[in-house]
Amino acid sequence: MARQRIHNRRASRGAQGGQSWISYSDMMAALLLIFVLILTYSLYHYFSMLETKTKELNNAITLNIAQTEELNAKEQALIIIQTDLDKLQDTLSAKEEELNSTQAILIVREEELENAKAALLVKQQALDEATARLEEQQLALASQARRIDDLIGIRTTMIRDLSASLSAANMKATVDPNTGDIVLDSSVFFETGKSTIKEEGQALLDRFIPVYLDVLLRDKYADYLGEIIIEGHTDSSGSYQSNLKLSQDRALQVALYCLNMPNLTRAQKTKLQEILTAKGRSYSDLVYDANGNEDPDASRRVEFKFSLKDSDMIEELNRIMSEQDSN
């Protein structure tokens, strides 16, 4: 019984121990299940997170790759930009050098310009002085030209004045327009073969000489008048020698009559004594008619001529030309 009790006790203990084990196993199974569930959840959560992180990592890697590519592209662009910048820097350096060279050239050019301005100023001053001298020379040349014109045109002026004065005095004496010679018919002055002046001739001289001398002895002609010549002419009748004496005597008588005219002023007589000349030409200068035959009446004549101071005029012209050459 005791053994039975012991056996029962052991059976009871075994039943209790088996129940305990089952509870423990269940508990352990439950714990294991919980652990498995926890582990499964953890793994699920881990793998979910891993997948998420992997996606994020992939996205990050992709983004990083994109960023890297972008960065590489930017680096390439930066390299290109840096290359372009270097080129621009080189170009800028070259331009700076060129600018410096240009500035140096400009400085030289400015100095040359200043020198040119100074030279131009000197030349302008020289030009102004030359212009002033030229103007003075032009004025001198104009004055000299007027003087030359006066010298050349003086005979013309004297002839014009003679013609006007004789015309105003109602005298029919004709003045040669080229020479200024005045021809008077010798028949008015002399009988045939004679040298004594007739009253008619004296009356003509009294009228003619004052008018003639009034023109030729004017102050404006004083520097040009060289000589007044009274020429006697005959026709070809008789010998040359006899006609030479007759023509010379007639010219001399007219000259003496002029010198002794009472109505001449002292100054006119003095001047006339200096420049009056009487010449006999015989029949060396005959007058011919339209048919080429001698005209005796025209050949017998007394001529009043004047000459200018040719040597003085030539000297004056030479002096004027010398002044022009020296200027």
C-alpha atoms as a PDB file:
ATOM      1  CA  MET A   1       0.000   0.000   0.000  1.00  0.00           C
ATOM      2  CA  ALA A   2       2.786   2.002   0.750  1.00  0.00           C
ATOM      3  CA  ARG A   3       4.171   1.180  -2.566  1.00  0.00           C
ATOM      4  CA  GLN A   4       0.833   1.850  -3.988  1.00  0.00           C
ATOM      5  CA  ARG A   5       0.811   5.168  -2.388  1.00  0.00           C
ATOM      6  CA  ILE A   6       4.256   5.724  -3.466  1.00  0.00           C
ATOM      7  CA  HIS A   7       3.291   4.644  -6.960  1.00  0.00           C
ATOM      8  CA  ASN A   8       0.217   6.745  -6.899  1.00  0.00           C
ATOM      9  CA  ARG A   9       2.228   9.500  -5.485  1.00  0.00           C
ATOM     10  CA  ARG A  10       4.728   9.079  -8.253  1.00  0.00           C
ATOM     11  CA  ALA A  11       1.908   8.689 -10.789  1.00  0.00           C
ATOM     12  CA  SER A  12       0.375  11.782  -9.395  1.00  0.00           C
ATOM     13  CA  ARG A  13       3.681  13.521  -9.600  1.00  0.00           C
ATOM     14  CA  GLY A  14       4.150  12.191 -13.109  1.00  0.00           C
ATOM     15  CA  ALA A  15       0.750  13.395 -14.108  1.00  0.00           C
ATOM     16  CA  GLN A  16       1.488  16.715 -12.575  1.00  0.00           C
ATOM     17  CA  GLY A  17       4.935  16.743 -14.144  1.00  0.00           C
ATOM     18  CA  GLY A  18       3.527  15.860 -17.543  1.00  0.00           C
ATOM     19  CA  GLN A  19       1.009  18.598 -17.295  1.00  0.00           C
ATOM     20  CA  SER A  20       3.734  20.979 -16.278  1.00  0.00           C
ATOM     21  CA  TRP A  21       5.857  19.942 -19.190  1.00  0.00           C
ATOM     22  CA  ILE A  22       2.986  20.361 -21.570  1.00  0.00           C
ATOM     23  CA  SER A  23       2.395  23.795 -20.206  1.00  0.00           C
ATOM     24  CA  TYR A  24       6.041  24.544 -20.439  1.00  0.00           C
ATOM     25  CA  SER A  25       6.195  23.213 -23.987  1.00  0.00           C
ATOM     26  CA  ASP A  26       3.176  25.171 -24.948  1.00  0.00           C
ATOM     27  CA  MET A  27       4.664  28.145 -23.354  1.00  0.00           C
ATOM     28  CA  MET A  28       7.911  27.552 -25.100  1.00  0.00           C
ATOM     29  CA  ALA A  29       6.079  26.929 -28.354  1.00  0.00           C
ATOM     30  CA  ALA A  30       4.136  30.041 -27.773  1.00  0.00           C
ATOM     31  CA  LEU A  31       7.307  31.884 -26.980  1.00  0.00           C
ATOM     32  CA  LEU A  32       8.925  30.342 -30.012  1.00  0.00           C
ATOM     33  CA  LEU A  33       5.947  31.303 -32.092  1.00  0.00           C
ATOM     34  CA  ILE A  34       6.076  34.736 -30.651  1.00  0.00           C
ATOM     35  CA  PHE A  35       9.792  34.828 -31.299  1.00  0.00           C
ATOM     36  CA  VAL A  36       9.192  33.519 -34.788  1.00  0.00           C
ATOM     37  CA  LEU A  37       6.461  36.066 -35.256  1.00  0.00           C
ATOM     38  CA  ILE A  38       8.656  38.728 -33.808  1.00  0.00           C
ATOM     39  CA  LEU A  39      11.522  37.483 -35.888  1.00  0.00           C
ATOM     40  CA  THR A  40       9.284  37.242 -38.927  1.00  0.00           C
ATOM     41  CA  TYR A  41       7.946  40.718 -38.264  1.00  0.00           C
ATOM     42  CA  SER A  42      11.430  41.931 -37.617  1.00  0.00           C
ATOM     43  CA  LEU A  43      12.668  40.256 -40.751  1.00  0.00           C
ATOM     44  CA  TYR A  44       9.696  41.580 -42.655  1.00  0.00           C
ATOM     45  CA  HIS A  45      10.221  44.986 -41.199  1.00  0.00           C
ATOM     46  CA  TYR A  46      13.948  44.609 -41.789  1.00  0.00           C
ATOM     47  CA  PHE A  47      13.508  43.486 -45.348  1.00  0.00           C
ATOM     48  CA  SER A  48      10.867  46.177 -45.874  1.00  0.00           C
ATOM     49  CA  MET A  49      13.232  48.674 -44.449  1.00  0.00           C
ATOM     50  CA  LEU A  50      16.044  47.025 -46.381  1.00  0.00           C
ATOM     51  CA  GLU A  51      13.994  47.250 -49.553  1.00  0.00           C
ATOM     52  CA  THR A  52      13.118  50.824 -48.731  1.00  0.00           C
ATOM     53  CA  LYS A  53      16.688  51.640 -47.844  1.00  0.00           C
ATOM     54  CA  THR A  54      17.829  49.704 -50.888  1.00  0.00           C
ATOM     55  CA  LYS A  55      15.437  51.716 -53.014  1.00  0.00           C
ATOM     56  CA  GLU A  56      16.557  54.848 -51.254  1.00  0.00           C
ATOM     57  CA  LEU A  57      20.153  53.755 -51.655  1.00  0.00           C
ATOM     58  CA  ASN A  58      19.529  52.931 -55.311  1.00  0.00           C
ATOM     59  CA  ASN A  59      17.772  56.233 -55.715  1.00  0.00           C
ATOM     60  CA  ALA A  60      20.626  57.853 -53.846  1.00  0.00           C
ATOM     61  CA  ILE A  61      23.098  55.969 -56.010  1.00  0.00           C
ATOM     62  CA  THR A  62      21.128  56.886 -59.109  1.00  0.00           C
ATOM     63  CA  LEU A  63      20.907  60.468 -57.878  1.00  0.00           C
ATOM     64  CA  ASN A  64      24.551  60.327 -56.964  1.00  0.00           C
ATOM     65  CA  ILE A  65      25.353  58.929 -60.401  1.00  0.00           C
ATOM     66  CA  ALA A  66      23.199  61.628 -61.960  1.00  0.00           C
ATOM     67  CA  GLN A  67      24.778  64.196 -59.743  1.00  0.00           C
ATOM     68  CA  THR A  68      28.165  62.709 -60.508  1.00  0.00           C
ATOM     69  CA  GLU A  69      27.396  62.781 -64.198  1.00  0.00           C
ATOM     70  CA  GLU A  70      26.040  66.277 -63.800  1.00  0.00           C
ATOM     71  CA  LEU A  71      29.089  67.140 -61.756  1.00  0.00           C
ATOM     72  CA  ASN A  72      31.295  65.556 -64.404  1.00  0.00           C
ATOM     73  CA  ALA A  73      29.383  67.444 -67.067  1.00  0.00           C
ATOM     74  CA  LYS A  74      29.743  70.606 -65.020  1.00  0.00           C
ATOM     75  CA  GLU A  75      33.390  69.771 -64.501  1.00  0.00           C
ATOM     76  CA  GLN A  76      33.741  69.273 -68.247  1.00  0.00           C
ATOM     77  CA  ALA A  77      31.849  72.496 -68.821  1.00  0.00           C
ATOM     78  CA  LEU A  78      33.988  74.108 -66.152  1.00  0.00           C
ATOM     79  CA  ILE A  79      37.074  72.754 -67.889  1.00  0.00           C
ATOM     80  CA  ILE A  80      35.790  74.109 -71.192  1.00  0.00           C
ATOM     81  CA  ILE A  81      34.915  77.388 -69.503  1.00  0.00           C
ATOM     82  CA  GLN A  82      38.308  77.399 -67.811  1.00  0.00           C
ATOM     83  CA  THR A  83      39.911  76.661 -71.180  1.00  0.00           C
ATOM     84  CA  ASP A  84      37.880  79.426 -72.782  1.00  0.00           C
ATOM     85  CA  LEU A  85      38.731  81.633 -69.815  1.00  0.00           C
ATOM     86  CA  ASP A  86      42.398  80.809 -70.266  1.00  0.00           C
ATOM     87  CA  LYS A  87      42.088  81.604 -73.939  1.00  0.00           C
ATOM     88  CA  LEU A  88      40.275  84.821 -73.082  1.00  0.00           C
ATOM     89  CA  GLN A  89      42.936  85.544 -70.504  1.00  0.00           C
ATOM     90  CA  ASP A  90      45.606  84.930 -73.128  1.00  0.00           C
ATOM     91  CA  THR A  91      43.661  87.079 -75.560  1.00  0.00           C
ATOM     92  CA  LEU A  92      43.245  89.721 -72.859  1.00  0.00           C
ATOM     93  CA  SER A  93      46.960  89.563 -72.126  1.00  0.00           C
ATOM     94  CA  ALA A  94      47.689  89.871 -75.828  1.00  0.00           C
ATOM     95  CA  LYS A  95      45.240  92.753 -76.077  1.00  0.00           C
ATOM     96  CA  GLU A  96      46.814  94.350 -73.027  1.00  0.00           C
ATOM     97  CA  GLU A  97      50.214  93.980 -74.609  1.00  0.00           C
ATOM     98  CA  GLU A  98      48.788  95.303 -77.857  1.00  0.00           C
ATOM     99  CA  LEU A  99      47.112  98.113 -75.928  1.00  0.00           C
ATOM    100  CA  ASN A 100      50.355  98.895 -74.157  1.00  0.00           C
ATOM    101  CA  SER A 101      52.140  98.821 -77.478  1.00  0.00           C
ATOM    102  CA  THR A 102      49.408 100.982 -78.971  1.00  0.00           C
ATOM    103  CA  GLN A 103      49.632 103.354 -76.025  1.00  0.00           C
ATOM    104  CA  ALA A 104      53.376 103.533 -76.486  1.00  0.00           C
ATOM    105  CA  ILE A 105      52.886 104.165 -80.190  1.00  0.00           C
ATOM    106  CA  LEU A 106      50.189 106.691 -79.327  1.00  0.00           C
ATOM    107  CA  ILE A 107      52.557 108.462 -76.976  1.00  0.00           C
ATOM    108  CA  VAL A 108      55.169 108.521 -79.718  1.00  0.00           C
ATOM    109  CA  ARG A 109      52.524 109.711 -82.185  1.00  0.00           C
ATOM    110  CA  GLU A 110      51.425 112.396 -79.733  1.00  0.00           C
ATOM    111  CA  GLU A 111      55.016 113.510 -79.390  1.00  0.00           C
ATOM    112  CA  GLU A 112      55.353 113.446 -83.172  1.00  0.00           C
ATOM    113  CA  LEU A 113      52.066 115.345 -83.415  1.00  0.00           C
ATOM    114  CA  GLU A 114      53.289 117.940 -80.964  1.00  0.00           C
ATOM    115  CA  ASN A 115      56.533 118.202 -82.898  1.00  0.00           C
ATOM    116  CA  ALA A 116      54.541 118.413 -86.130  1.00  0.00           C
ATOM    117  CA  LYS A 117      52.326 121.099 -84.595  1.00  0.00           C
ATOM    118  CA  ALA A 118      55.405 123.011 -83.517  1.00  0.00           C
ATOM    119  CA  ALA A 119      56.940 122.570 -86.982  1.00  0.00           C
ATOM    120  CA  LEU A 120      53.611 123.543 -88.532  1.00  0.00           C
ATOM    121  CA  LEU A 121      53.478 126.619 -86.332  1.00  0.00           C
ATOM    122  CA  VAL A 122      56.977 127.553 -87.452  1.00  0.00           C
ATOM    123  CA  LYS A 123      56.020 126.905 -91.066  1.00  0.00           C
ATOM    124  CA  GLN A 124      52.785 128.861 -90.586  1.00  0.00           C
ATOM    125  CA  GLN A 125      54.757 131.759 -89.192  1.00  0.00           C
ATOM    126  CA  ALA A 126      57.176 131.434 -92.108  1.00  0.00           C
ATOM    127  CA  LEU A 127      54.191 131.235 -94.456  1.00  0.00           C
ATOM    128  CA  ASP A 128      52.650 134.311 -92.871  1.00  0.00           C
ATOM    129  CA  GLU A 129      55.937 136.124 -93.236  1.00  0.00           C
ATOM    130  CA  ALA A 130      56.284 134.877 -96.815  1.00  0.00           C
ATOM    131  CA  THR A 131      52.683 135.916 -97.501  1.00  0.00           C
ATOM    132  CA  ALA A 132      53.380 139.341 -96.070  1.00  0.00           C
ATOM    133  CA  ARG A 133      56.530 139.591 -98.196  1.00  0.00           C
ATOM    134  CA  LEU A 134      54.573 138.350-101.198  1.00  0.00           C
ATOM    135  CA  GLU A 135      51.899 140.962-100.613  1.00  0.00           C
ATOM    136  CA  GLU A 136      54.603 143.592-100.327  1.00  0.00           C
ATOM    137  CA  GLN A 137      56.213 142.254-103.505  1.00  0.00           C
ATOM    138  CA  GLN A 138      52.840 142.223-105.249  1.00  0.00           C
ATOM    139  CA  LEU A 139      52.265 145.805-104.218  1.00  0.00           C
ATOM    140  CA  ALA A 140      55.776 146.660-105.390  1.00  0.00           C
ATOM    141  CA  LEU A 141      55.197 144.770-108.642  1.00  0.00           C
ATOM    142  CA  ALA A 142      51.879 146.526-109.124  1.00  0.00           C
ATOM    143  CA  SER A 143      53.592 149.854-108.516  1.00  0.00           C
ATOM    144  CA  GLN A 144      56.389 148.872-110.872  1.00  0.00           C
ATOM    145  CA  ALA A 145      53.863 147.693-113.454  1.00  0.00           C
ATOM    146  CA  ARG A 146      52.126 151.049-113.231  1.00  0.00           C
ATOM    147  CA  ARG A 147      55.483 152.749-113.631  1.00  0.00           C
ATOM    148  CA  ILE A 148      56.290 150.590-116.650  1.00  0.00           C
ATOM    149  CA  ASP A 149      52.854 151.294-118.101  1.00  0.00           C
ATOM    150  CA  ASP A 150      53.495 154.976-117.483  1.00  0.00           C
ATOM    151  CA  LEU A 151      56.850 154.739-119.234  1.00  0.00           C
ATOM    152  CA  ILE A 152      55.440 152.791-122.159  1.00  0.00           C
ATOM    153  CA  GLY A 153      52.267 154.802-122.450  1.00  0.00           C
ATOM    154  CA  ILE A 154      53.772 158.245-121.899  1.00  0.00           C
ATOM    155  CA  ARG A 155      54.172 159.009-125.631  1.00  0.00           C
ATOM    156  CA  THR A 156      50.566 157.991-126.261  1.00  0.00           C
ATOM    157  CA  THR A 157      49.434 160.262-123.457  1.00  0.00           C
ATOM    158  CA  MET A 158      51.497 163.166-124.772  1.00  0.00           C
ATOM    159  CA  ILE A 159      50.102 162.676-128.290  1.00  0.00           C
ATOM    160  CA  ARG A 160      46.572 162.566-126.930  1.00  0.00           C
ATOM    161  CA  ASP A 161      47.103 165.732-124.913  1.00  0.00           C
ATOM    162  CA  LEU A 162      48.645 167.508-127.936  1.00  0.00           C
ATOM    163  CA  SER A 163      45.722 166.613-130.165  1.00  0.00           C
ATOM    164  CA  ALA A 164      43.197 167.721-127.569  1.00  0.00           C
ATOM    165  CA  SER A 165      44.970 171.026-126.888  1.00  0.00           C
ATOM    166  CA  LEU A 166      45.408 171.895-130.598  1.00  0.00           C
ATOM    167  CA  SER A 167      41.800 171.007-131.269  1.00  0.00           C
ATOM    168  CA  ALA A 168      40.664 173.181-128.359  1.00  0.00           C
ATOM    169  CA  ALA A 169      42.739 176.060-129.804  1.00  0.00           C
ATOM    170  CA  ASN A 170      41.005 175.614-133.208  1.00  0.00           C
ATOM    171  CA  MET A 171      44.285 174.836-134.904  1.00  0.00           C
ATOM    172  CA  LYS A 172      44.183 172.526-137.921  1.00  0.00           C
ATOM    173  CA  ALA A 173      47.631 171.026-137.304  1.00  0.00           C
ATOM    174  CA  THR A 174      47.521 167.246-137.501  1.00  0.00           C
ATOM    175  CA  VAL A 175      49.330 165.185-134.883  1.00  0.00           C
ATOM    176  CA  ASP A 176      50.701 161.830-136.068  1.00  0.00           C
ATOM    177  CA  PRO A 177      48.965 159.283-133.779  1.00  0.00           C
ATOM    178  CA  ASN A 178      52.056 157.048-133.627  1.00  0.00           C
ATOM    179  CA  THR A 179      54.946 159.500-133.332  1.00  0.00           C
ATOM    180  CA  GLY A 180      53.386 162.772-132.236  1.00  0.00           C
ATOM    181  CA  ASP A 181      54.999 164.586-135.229  1.00  0.00           C
ATOM    182  CA  ILE A 182      53.253 167.735-136.445  1.00  0.00           C
ATOM    183  CA  VAL A 183      53.735 168.826-140.073  1.00  0.00           C
ATOM    184  CA  LEU A 184      53.370 172.501-141.060  1.00  0.00           C
ATOM    185  CA  ASP A 185      53.330 173.606-144.707  1.00  0.00           C
ATOM    186  CA  SER A 186      56.577 175.497-145.401  1.00  0.00           C
ATOM    187  CA  SER A 187      54.790 177.725-147.923  1.00  0.00           C
ATOM    188  CA  VAL A 188      53.074 179.374-144.989  1.00  0.00           C
ATOM    189  CA  PHE A 189      56.458 180.233-143.485  1.00  0.00           C
ATOM    190  CA  PHE A 190      58.780 180.944-146.435  1.00  0.00           C
ATOM    191  CA  GLU A 191      58.957 182.284-149.934  1.00  0.00           C
ATOM    192  CA  THR A 192      60.384 179.898-152.522  1.00  0.00           C
ATOM    193  CA  GLY A 193      64.097 179.471-151.968  1.00  0.00           C
ATOM    194  CA  LYS A 194      64.037 181.815-148.923  1.00  0.00           C
ATOM    195  CA  SER A 195      64.553 181.146-145.192  1.00  0.00           C
ATOM    196  CA  THR A 196      63.045 184.328-143.791  1.00  0.00           C
ATOM    197  CA  ILE A 197      59.781 183.668-141.949  1.00  0.00           C
ATOM    198  CA  LYS A 198      56.805 185.458-143.445  1.00  0.00           C
ATOM    199  CA  GLU A 199      54.333 187.364-141.275  1.00  0.00           C
ATOM    200  CA  GLU A 200      51.773 184.658-141.931  1.00  0.00           C
ATOM    201  CA  GLY A 201      54.237 182.117-140.624  1.00  0.00           C
ATOM    202  CA  GLN A 202      55.043 184.210-137.590  1.00  0.00           C
ATOM    203  CA  ALA A 203      51.338 184.527-136.804  1.00  0.00           C
ATOM    204  CA  LEU A 204      50.981 180.742-137.044  1.00  0.00           C
ATOM    205  CA  LEU A 205      53.951 180.202-134.757  1.00  0.00           C
ATOM    206  CA  ASP A 206      52.566 182.736-132.261  1.00  0.00           C
ATOM    207  CA  ARG A 207      49.450 180.621-131.995  1.00  0.00           C
ATOM    208  CA  PHE A 208      51.033 177.204-132.278  1.00  0.00           C
ATOM    209  CA  ILE A 209      54.153 177.364-130.095  1.00  0.00           C
ATOM    210  CA  PRO A 210      52.451 178.335-126.789  1.00  0.00           C
ATOM    211  CA  VAL A 211      49.936 175.497-127.137  1.00  0.00           C
ATOM    212  CA  TYR A 212      52.655 173.028-128.178  1.00  0.00           C
ATOM    213  CA  LEU A 213      55.002 173.929-125.354  1.00  0.00           C
ATOM    214  CA  ASP A 214      52.191 174.105-122.813  1.00  0.00           C
ATOM    215  CA  VAL A 215      51.645 170.393-123.360  1.00  0.00           C
ATOM    216  CA  LEU A 216      55.223 169.143-123.739  1.00  0.00           C
ATOM    217  CA  LEU A 217      56.642 171.209-120.893  1.00  0.00           C
ATOM    218  CA  ARG A 218      54.083 170.065-118.340  1.00  0.00           C
ATOM    219  CA  ASP A 219      55.510 168.860-115.042  1.00  0.00           C
ATOM    220  CA  LYS A 220      54.211 165.329-115.539  1.00  0.00           C
ATOM    221  CA  TYR A 221      56.314 164.987-118.712  1.00  0.00           C
ATOM    222  CA  ALA A 222      59.425 166.692-117.343  1.00  0.00           C
ATOM    223  CA  ASP A 223      61.108 163.397-116.467  1.00  0.00           C
ATOM    224  CA  TYR A 224      60.421 161.875-119.885  1.00  0.00           C
ATOM    225  CA  LEU A 225      60.841 164.625-122.501  1.00  0.00           C
ATOM    226  CA  GLY A 226      64.275 164.386-124.057  1.00  0.00           C
ATOM    227  CA  GLU A 227      64.261 166.719-127.052  1.00  0.00           C
ATOM    228  CA  ILE A 228      62.125 168.955-129.253  1.00  0.00           C
ATOM    229  CA  ILE A 229      63.281 168.851-132.869  1.00  0.00           C
ATOM    230  CA  ILE A 230      62.402 171.316-135.609  1.00  0.00           C
ATOM    231  CA  GLU A 231      63.101 169.713-138.986  1.00  0.00           C
ATOM    232  CA  GLY A 232      63.248 171.543-142.322  1.00  0.00           C
ATOM    233  CA  HIS A 233      62.466 169.572-145.502  1.00  0.00           C
ATOM    234  CA  THR A 234      62.607 170.487-149.200  1.00  0.00           C
ATOM    235  CA  ASP A 235      61.561 168.919-152.466  1.00  0.00           C
ATOM    236  CA  SER A 236      64.090 167.382-154.811  1.00  0.00           C
ATOM    237  CA  SER A 237      64.525 170.475-156.986  1.00  0.00           C
ATOM    238  CA  GLY A 238      68.168 171.548-156.947  1.00  0.00           C
ATOM    239  CA  SER A 239      71.168 169.877-155.386  1.00  0.00           C
ATOM    240  CA  TYR A 240      71.157 168.026-152.107  1.00  0.00           C
ATOM    241  CA  GLN A 241      73.759 170.385-150.662  1.00  0.00           C
ATOM    242  CA  SER A 242      71.839 173.567-151.493  1.00  0.00           C
ATOM    243  CA  ASN A 243      68.617 172.063-150.191  1.00  0.00           C
ATOM    244  CA  LEU A 244      70.461 170.892-147.078  1.00  0.00           C
ATOM    245  CA  LYS A 245      71.564 174.475-146.369  1.00  0.00           C
ATOM    246  CA  LEU A 246      68.103 175.849-147.169  1.00  0.00           C
ATOM    247  CA  SER A 247      66.344 173.281-144.947  1.00  0.00           C
ATOM    248  CA  GLN A 248      68.845 173.889-142.141  1.00  0.00           C
ATOM    249  CA  ASP A 249      68.414 177.665-142.360  1.00  0.00           C
ATOM    250  CA  ARG A 250      64.631 177.377-142.299  1.00  0.00           C
ATOM    251  CA  ALA A 251      64.690 175.059-139.288  1.00  0.00           C
ATOM    252  CA  LEU A 252      67.126 177.378-137.538  1.00  0.00           C
ATOM    253  CA  GLN A 253      64.976 180.473-138.199  1.00  0.00           C
ATOM    254  CA  VAL A 254      61.919 178.736-136.755  1.00  0.00           C
ATOM    255  CA  ALA A 255      63.913 177.632-133.704  1.00  0.00           C
ATOM    256  CA  LEU A 256      65.280 181.134-133.120  1.00  0.00           C
ATOM    257  CA  TYR A 257      61.820 182.637-133.486  1.00  0.00           C
ATOM    258  CA  CYS A 258      60.509 180.215-130.867  1.00  0.00           C
ATOM    259  CA  LEU A 259      63.338 181.017-128.463  1.00  0.00           C
ATOM    260  CA  ASN A 260      62.713 184.758-128.789  1.00  0.00           C
ATOM    261  CA  MET A 261      58.924 184.689-128.431  1.00  0.00           C
ATOM    262  CA  PRO A 262      57.993 187.306-125.823  1.00  0.00           C
ATOM    263  CA  ASN A 263      54.951 185.456-124.490  1.00  0.00           C
ATOM    264  CA  LEU A 264      57.005 182.456-123.234  1.00  0.00           C
ATOM    265  CA  THR A 265      57.826 182.267-119.556  1.00  0.00           C
ATOM    266  CA  ARG A 266      61.413 182.307-118.326  1.00  0.00           C
ATOM    267  CA  ALA A 267      61.106 178.666-117.290  1.00  0.00           C
ATOM    268  CA  GLN A 268      59.810 177.677-120.728  1.00  0.00           C
ATOM    269  CA  LYS A 269      62.655 179.543-122.463  1.00  0.00           C
ATOM    270  CA  THR A 270      65.234 177.975-120.158  1.00  0.00           C
ATOM    271  CA  LYS A 271      63.862 174.495-120.760  1.00  0.00           C
ATOM    272  CA  LEU A 272      63.566 175.148-124.488  1.00  0.00           C
ATOM    273  CA  GLN A 273      67.216 176.183-124.650  1.00  0.00           C
ATOM    274  CA  GLU A 274      68.118 172.810-123.104  1.00  0.00           C
ATOM    275  CA  ILE A 275      66.098 170.576-125.392  1.00  0.00           C
ATOM    276  CA  LEU A 276      65.452 172.470-128.665  1.00  0.00           C
ATOM    277  CA  THR A 277      67.284 171.268-131.784  1.00  0.00           C
ATOM    278  CA  ALA A 278      67.075 172.461-135.410  1.00  0.00           C
ATOM    279  CA  LYS A 279      67.821 170.037-138.254  1.00  0.00           C
ATOM    280  CA  GLY A 280      67.918 170.385-142.002  1.00  0.00           C
ATOM    281  CA  ARG A 281      67.023 167.204-143.886  1.00  0.00           C
ATOM    282  CA  SER A 282      67.256 168.486-147.499  1.00  0.00           C
ATOM    283  CA  TYR A 283      65.174 166.112-149.610  1.00  0.00           C
ATOM    284  CA  SER A 284      66.201 162.939-147.720  1.00  0.00           C
ATOM    285  CA  ASP A 285      62.616 162.325-146.602  1.00  0.00           C
ATOM    286  CA  LEU A 286      60.364 163.122-149.582  1.00  0.00           C
ATOM    287  CA  VAL A 287      56.596 162.677-149.543  1.00  0.00           C
ATOM    288  CA  TYR A 288      54.972 160.634-152.328  1.00  0.00           C
ATOM    289  CA  ASP A 289      51.413 160.554-153.626  1.00  0.00           C
ATOM    290  CA  ALA A 290      49.219 157.534-154.101  1.00  0.00           C
ATOM    291  CA  ASN A 291      50.823 156.789-157.474  1.00  0.00           C
ATOM    292  CA  GLY A 292      54.323 156.739-156.000  1.00  0.00           C
ATOM    293  CA  ASN A 293      55.302 160.101-157.450  1.00  0.00           C
ATOM    294  CA  GLU A 294      56.931 162.854-155.418  1.00  0.00           C
ATOM    295  CA  ASP A 295      54.540 165.396-153.981  1.00  0.00           C
ATOM    296  CA  PRO A 296      56.650 168.593-153.975  1.00  0.00           C
ATOM    297  CA  ASP A 297      54.208 170.695-151.969  1.00  0.00           C
ATOM    298  CA  ALA A 298      53.985 168.033-149.247  1.00  0.00           C
ATOM    299  CA  SER A 299      57.736 167.492-149.320  1.00  0.00           C
ATOM    300  CA  ARG A 300      58.374 171.209-148.611  1.00  0.00           C
ATOM    301  CA  ARG A 301      57.479 171.290-144.928  1.00  0.00           C
ATOM    302  CA  VAL A 302      58.507 172.087-141.390  1.00  0.00           C
ATOM    303  CA  GLU A 303      58.019 169.333-138.813  1.00  0.00           C
ATOM    304  CA  PHE A 304      57.829 169.662-135.054  1.00  0.00           C
ATOM    305  CA  LYS A 305      58.932 166.453-133.340  1.00  0.00           C
ATOM    306  CA  PHE A 306      59.701 165.399-129.818  1.00  0.00           C
ATOM    307  CA  SER A 307      61.720 162.510-128.487  1.00  0.00           C
ATOM    308  CA  LEU A 308      61.712 160.896-125.088  1.00  0.00           C
ATOM    309  CA  LYS A 309      64.693 160.185-122.951  1.00  0.00           C
ATOM    310  CA  ASP A 310      65.132 156.714-124.400  1.00  0.00           C
ATOM    311  CA  SER A 311      68.356 156.014-122.587  1.00  0.00           C
ATOM    312  CA  ASP A 312      66.867 157.223-119.318  1.00  0.00           C
ATOM    313  CA  MET A 313      63.718 155.216-119.933  1.00  0.00           C
ATOM    314  CA  ILE A 314      65.726 152.096-120.746  1.00  0.00           C
ATOM    315  CA  GLU A 315      67.787 152.647-117.610  1.00  0.00           C
ATOM    316  CA  GLU A 316      64.631 153.097-115.578  1.00  0.00           C
ATOM    317  CA  LEU A 317      63.104 149.944-117.045  1.00  0.00           C
ATOM    318  CA  ASN A 318      66.298 148.021-116.327  1.00  0.00           C
ATOM    319  CA  ARG A 319      66.301 149.347-112.780  1.00  0.00           C
ATOM    320  CA  ILE A 320      62.686 148.287-112.316  1.00  0.00           C
ATOM    321  CA  MET A 321      63.409 144.830-113.723  1.00  0.00           C
ATOM    322  CA  SER A 322      66.438 144.562-111.435  1.00  0.00           C
ATOM    323  CA  GLU A 323      64.211 145.398-108.472  1.00  0.00           C
ATOM    324  CA  GLN A 324      61.798 142.672-109.577  1.00  0.00           C
ATOM    325  CA  ASP A 325      64.613 140.124-109.858  1.00  0.00           C
ATOM    326  CA  SER A 326      66.029 141.045-106.454  1.00  0.00           C
ATOM    327  CA  ASN A 327      62.576 140.647-104.913  1.00  0.00           C
END
